[in-house]
Amino acid sequence: MIVTEALFAVLSTRDGRVGTAEAAGLIVLCIGSTVGMVAESITYRVLSSKTFDPAKVALVSATIVLSPLIAILGGRRLRALRDGR
């Protein structure tokens, strides 16, 4: 999934239909990733005070924070492509 996100991010820098399609794909993939990570049972186990592990918390938190940020940046790129910038 990370490889696909990276590929979409690189291809979204192109102009035209390819860039638009890849930016839209990046948004959809990152939204799905965020929803999937929040729904994972490991997220709640890692963030629980009984099974708290700082390394795992950092990884889970990064996934929860970075995917929406990438989706937002993909949306900005999509808007820029639509406006012709």
N, C-alpha and C. Protein backbone atom coordinates (compact mmCIF):
# COMPACT_ATOMS: atom_id res chain seq x y z
N MET A 1 0.82 -1.18 0.00
CA MET A 1 0.00 0.00 0.00
C MET A 1 0.87 1.25 0.00
N ILE A 2 1.96 1.22 0.74
CA ILE A 2 2.86 2.36 0.78
C ILE A 2 3.51 2.58 -0.58
N VAL A 3 3.86 1.50 -1.25
CA VAL A 3 4.44 1.60 -2.59
C VAL A 3 3.44 2.24 -3.55
N THR A 4 2.18 1.84 -3.45
CA THR A 4 1.13 2.41 -4.30
C THR A 4 0.95 3.89 -4.00
N GLU A 5 0.95 4.27 -2.73
CA GLU A 5 0.85 5.68 -2.37
C GLU A 5 2.02 6.46 -2.95
N ALA A 6 3.22 5.93 -2.85
CA ALA A 6 4.39 6.61 -3.39
C ALA A 6 4.29 6.75 -4.91
N LEU A 7 3.83 5.71 -5.58
CA LEU A 7 3.67 5.76 -7.03
C LEU A 7 2.63 6.81 -7.42
N PHE A 8 1.50 6.83 -6.73
CA PHE A 8 0.48 7.83 -7.01
C PHE A 8 1.02 9.23 -6.76
N ALA A 9 1.78 9.41 -5.69
CA ALA A 9 2.34 10.73 -5.37
C ALA A 9 3.28 11.20 -6.46
N VAL A 10 4.12 10.32 -6.95
CA VAL A 10 5.06 10.70 -8.01
C VAL A 10 4.32 11.00 -9.31
N LEU A 11 3.38 10.15 -9.68
CA LEU A 11 2.65 10.35 -10.93
C LEU A 11 1.68 11.52 -10.87
N SER A 12 1.28 11.95 -9.68
CA SER A 12 0.37 13.10 -9.58
C SER A 12 1.06 14.40 -9.92
N THR A 13 2.38 14.38 -10.02
CA THR A 13 3.11 15.60 -10.40
C THR A 13 3.01 15.88 -11.89
N ARG A 14 2.52 14.94 -12.66
CA ARG A 14 2.36 15.14 -14.10
C ARG A 14 1.14 16.00 -14.37
N ASP A 15 1.14 16.64 -15.52
CA ASP A 15 -0.01 17.46 -15.92
C ASP A 15 -1.00 16.61 -16.69
N GLY A 16 -2.18 17.17 -16.87
CA GLY A 16 -3.19 16.52 -17.70
C GLY A 16 -3.98 15.45 -16.96
N ARG A 17 -4.50 14.55 -17.76
CA ARG A 17 -5.38 13.50 -17.23
C ARG A 17 -4.66 12.53 -16.31
N VAL A 18 -3.40 12.25 -16.62
CA VAL A 18 -2.63 11.32 -15.78
C VAL A 18 -2.46 11.90 -14.38
N GLY A 19 -2.07 13.15 -14.29
CA GLY A 19 -1.89 13.79 -12.99
C GLY A 19 -3.19 13.87 -12.21
N THR A 20 -4.26 14.19 -12.92
CA THR A 20 -5.57 14.28 -12.27
C THR A 20 -6.01 12.92 -11.73
N ALA A 21 -5.85 11.89 -12.55
CA ALA A 21 -6.25 10.55 -12.12
C ALA A 21 -5.41 10.07 -10.94
N GLU A 22 -4.14 10.34 -10.98
CA GLU A 22 -3.26 9.89 -9.90
C GLU A 22 -3.51 10.67 -8.62
N ALA A 23 -3.78 11.96 -8.72
CA ALA A 23 -4.10 12.75 -7.53
C ALA A 23 -5.40 12.25 -6.90
N ALA A 24 -6.39 11.96 -7.74
CA ALA A 24 -7.65 11.43 -7.22
C ALA A 24 -7.44 10.05 -6.59
N GLY A 25 -6.63 9.23 -7.22
CA GLY A 25 -6.32 7.91 -6.66
C GLY A 25 -5.60 8.02 -5.34
N LEU A 26 -4.70 8.98 -5.22
CA LEU A 26 -3.97 9.20 -3.98
C LEU A 26 -4.93 9.60 -2.85
N ILE A 27 -5.88 10.45 -3.16
CA ILE A 27 -6.86 10.87 -2.16
C ILE A 27 -7.68 9.68 -1.68
N VAL A 28 -8.18 8.90 -2.61
CA VAL A 28 -9.01 7.74 -2.25
C VAL A 28 -8.21 6.73 -1.43
N LEU A 29 -6.99 6.47 -1.86
CA LEU A 29 -6.15 5.49 -1.16
C LEU A 29 -5.83 5.96 0.26
N CYS A 30 -5.52 7.23 0.42
CA CYS A 30 -5.16 7.73 1.75
C CYS A 30 -6.37 7.81 2.68
N ILE A 31 -7.53 8.13 2.14
CA ILE A 31 -8.74 8.11 2.97
C ILE A 31 -9.03 6.69 3.43
N GLY A 32 -8.89 5.74 2.51
CA GLY A 32 -9.08 4.33 2.87
C GLY A 32 -8.07 3.87 3.90
N SER A 33 -6.84 4.33 3.77
CA SER A 33 -5.80 3.97 4.73
C SER A 33 -6.11 4.51 6.12
N THR A 34 -6.58 5.73 6.17
CA THR A 34 -6.92 6.34 7.46
C THR A 34 -8.07 5.60 8.12
N VAL A 35 -9.11 5.35 7.36
CA VAL A 35 -10.27 4.62 7.90
C VAL A 35 -9.85 3.22 8.36
N GLY A 36 -9.04 2.57 7.56
CA GLY A 36 -8.57 1.23 7.91
C GLY A 36 -7.73 1.21 9.17
N MET A 37 -6.87 2.20 9.33
CA MET A 37 -6.02 2.24 10.52
C MET A 37 -6.83 2.54 11.77
N VAL A 38 -7.81 3.41 11.66
CA VAL A 38 -8.65 3.72 12.82
C VAL A 38 -9.50 2.51 13.20
N ALA A 39 -9.89 1.72 12.21
CA ALA A 39 -10.74 0.55 12.48
C ALA A 39 -9.95 -0.68 12.94
N GLU A 40 -8.63 -0.65 12.79
CA GLU A 40 -7.81 -1.80 13.19
C GLU A 40 -7.86 -2.01 14.70
N SER A 41 -7.94 -3.24 15.10
CA SER A 41 -7.95 -3.54 16.53
C SER A 41 -6.60 -3.28 17.17
N ILE A 42 -5.52 -3.39 16.40
CA ILE A 42 -4.19 -3.14 16.98
C ILE A 42 -4.04 -1.68 17.40
N THR A 43 -4.74 -0.79 16.73
CA THR A 43 -4.68 0.63 17.10
C THR A 43 -5.12 0.82 18.54
N TYR A 44 -6.20 0.20 18.91
CA TYR A 44 -6.71 0.34 20.27
C TYR A 44 -5.85 -0.40 21.28
N ARG A 45 -5.28 -1.53 20.88
CA ARG A 45 -4.38 -2.25 21.80
C ARG A 45 -3.12 -1.45 22.05
N VAL A 46 -2.57 -0.85 21.00
CA VAL A 46 -1.33 -0.09 21.15
C VAL A 46 -1.56 1.16 21.99
N LEU A 47 -2.69 1.81 21.80
CA LEU A 47 -2.97 3.05 22.53
C LEU A 47 -3.54 2.83 23.92
N SER A 48 -3.77 1.57 24.28
CA SER A 48 -4.27 1.25 25.62
C SER A 48 -3.17 1.44 26.66
N SER A 49 -3.54 1.87 27.84
CA SER A 49 -2.55 2.09 28.89
C SER A 49 -1.94 0.78 29.39
N LYS A 50 -2.66 -0.33 29.24
CA LYS A 50 -2.14 -1.62 29.71
C LYS A 50 -1.05 -2.18 28.80
N THR A 51 -1.17 -1.95 27.50
CA THR A 51 -0.22 -2.53 26.54
C THR A 51 0.54 -1.44 25.80
N PHE A 52 0.77 -0.32 26.45
CA PHE A 52 1.43 0.83 25.83
C PHE A 52 2.87 0.49 25.47
N ASP A 53 3.22 0.72 24.20
CA ASP A 53 4.59 0.53 23.70
C ASP A 53 4.95 1.77 22.88
N PRO A 54 5.90 2.58 23.35
CA PRO A 54 6.19 3.85 22.68
C PRO A 54 6.54 3.71 21.19
N ALA A 55 7.26 2.69 20.82
CA ALA A 55 7.64 2.52 19.42
C ALA A 55 6.41 2.25 18.55
N LYS A 56 5.53 1.41 19.03
CA LYS A 56 4.31 1.10 18.28
C LYS A 56 3.36 2.30 18.25
N VAL A 57 3.31 3.05 19.35
CA VAL A 57 2.46 4.23 19.39
C VAL A 57 2.93 5.25 18.36
N ALA A 58 4.24 5.42 18.23
CA ALA A 58 4.78 6.36 17.24
C ALA A 58 4.40 5.94 15.83
N LEU A 59 4.49 4.66 15.54
CA LEU A 59 4.16 4.16 14.21
C LEU A 59 2.67 4.31 13.91
N VAL A 60 1.82 3.92 14.85
CA VAL A 60 0.37 4.02 14.66
C VAL A 60 -0.04 5.49 14.54
N SER A 61 0.51 6.33 15.38
CA SER A 61 0.18 7.76 15.33
C SER A 61 0.61 8.38 14.01
N ALA A 62 1.79 8.01 13.55
CA ALA A 62 2.27 8.54 12.26
C ALA A 62 1.34 8.12 11.13
N THR A 63 0.87 6.90 11.16
CA THR A 63 -0.04 6.43 10.12
C THR A 63 -1.36 7.17 10.17
N ILE A 64 -1.87 7.40 11.37
CA ILE A 64 -3.14 8.09 11.52
C ILE A 64 -3.03 9.56 11.11
N VAL A 65 -1.88 10.17 11.33
CA VAL A 65 -1.71 11.59 11.02
C VAL A 65 -1.27 11.82 9.57
N LEU A 66 -0.35 11.02 9.07
CA LEU A 66 0.22 11.28 7.75
C LEU A 66 -0.72 10.97 6.60
N SER A 67 -1.52 9.95 6.70
CA SER A 67 -2.44 9.62 5.60
C SER A 67 -3.43 10.73 5.31
N PRO A 68 -4.08 11.32 6.32
CA PRO A 68 -4.97 12.45 6.00
C PRO A 68 -4.22 13.65 5.44
N LEU A 69 -3.00 13.88 5.92
CA LEU A 69 -2.22 14.99 5.39
C LEU A 69 -1.90 14.78 3.91
N ILE A 70 -1.54 13.56 3.55
CA ILE A 70 -1.28 13.25 2.15
C ILE A 70 -2.56 13.43 1.32
N ALA A 71 -3.70 13.03 1.86
CA ALA A 71 -4.97 13.21 1.15
C ALA A 71 -5.27 14.70 0.95
N ILE A 72 -4.99 15.52 1.95
CA ILE A 72 -5.20 16.96 1.82
C ILE A 72 -4.29 17.54 0.75
N LEU A 73 -3.02 17.15 0.76
CA LEU A 73 -2.10 17.63 -0.27
C LEU A 73 -2.50 17.13 -1.65
N GLY A 74 -3.02 15.92 -1.73
CA GLY A 74 -3.53 15.41 -3.01
C GLY A 74 -4.71 16.23 -3.49
N GLY A 75 -5.57 16.65 -2.57
CA GLY A 75 -6.70 17.51 -2.91
C GLY A 75 -6.25 18.87 -3.42
N ARG A 76 -5.21 19.40 -2.80
CA ARG A 76 -4.68 20.68 -3.28
C ARG A 76 -4.09 20.53 -4.67
N ARG A 77 -3.42 19.42 -4.91
CA ARG A 77 -2.85 19.17 -6.25
C ARG A 77 -3.97 18.99 -7.27
N LEU A 78 -5.01 18.30 -6.90
CA LEU A 78 -6.14 18.10 -7.79
C LEU A 78 -6.79 19.43 -8.15
N ARG A 79 -6.94 20.30 -7.15
CA ARG A 79 -7.51 21.63 -7.40
C ARG A 79 -6.60 22.45 -8.30
N ALA A 80 -5.29 22.37 -8.08
CA ALA A 80 -4.35 23.10 -8.92
C ALA A 80 -4.40 22.61 -10.36
N LEU A 81 -4.53 21.31 -10.54
CA LEU A 81 -4.62 20.76 -11.89
C LEU A 81 -5.91 21.21 -12.56
N ARG A 82 -6.97 21.25 -11.80
CA ARG A 82 -8.28 21.66 -12.36
C ARG A 82 -8.25 23.13 -12.75
N ASP A 83 -7.58 23.96 -11.95
CA ASP A 83 -7.51 25.39 -12.22
C ASP A 83 -6.47 25.74 -13.27
N GLY A 84 -5.66 24.75 -13.66
CA GLY A 84 -4.66 24.98 -14.70
C GLY A 84 -3.36 25.59 -14.21
N ARG A 85 -3.06 25.42 -12.94
CA ARG A 85 -1.80 25.97 -12.40
C ARG A 85 -0.71 24.95 -12.41
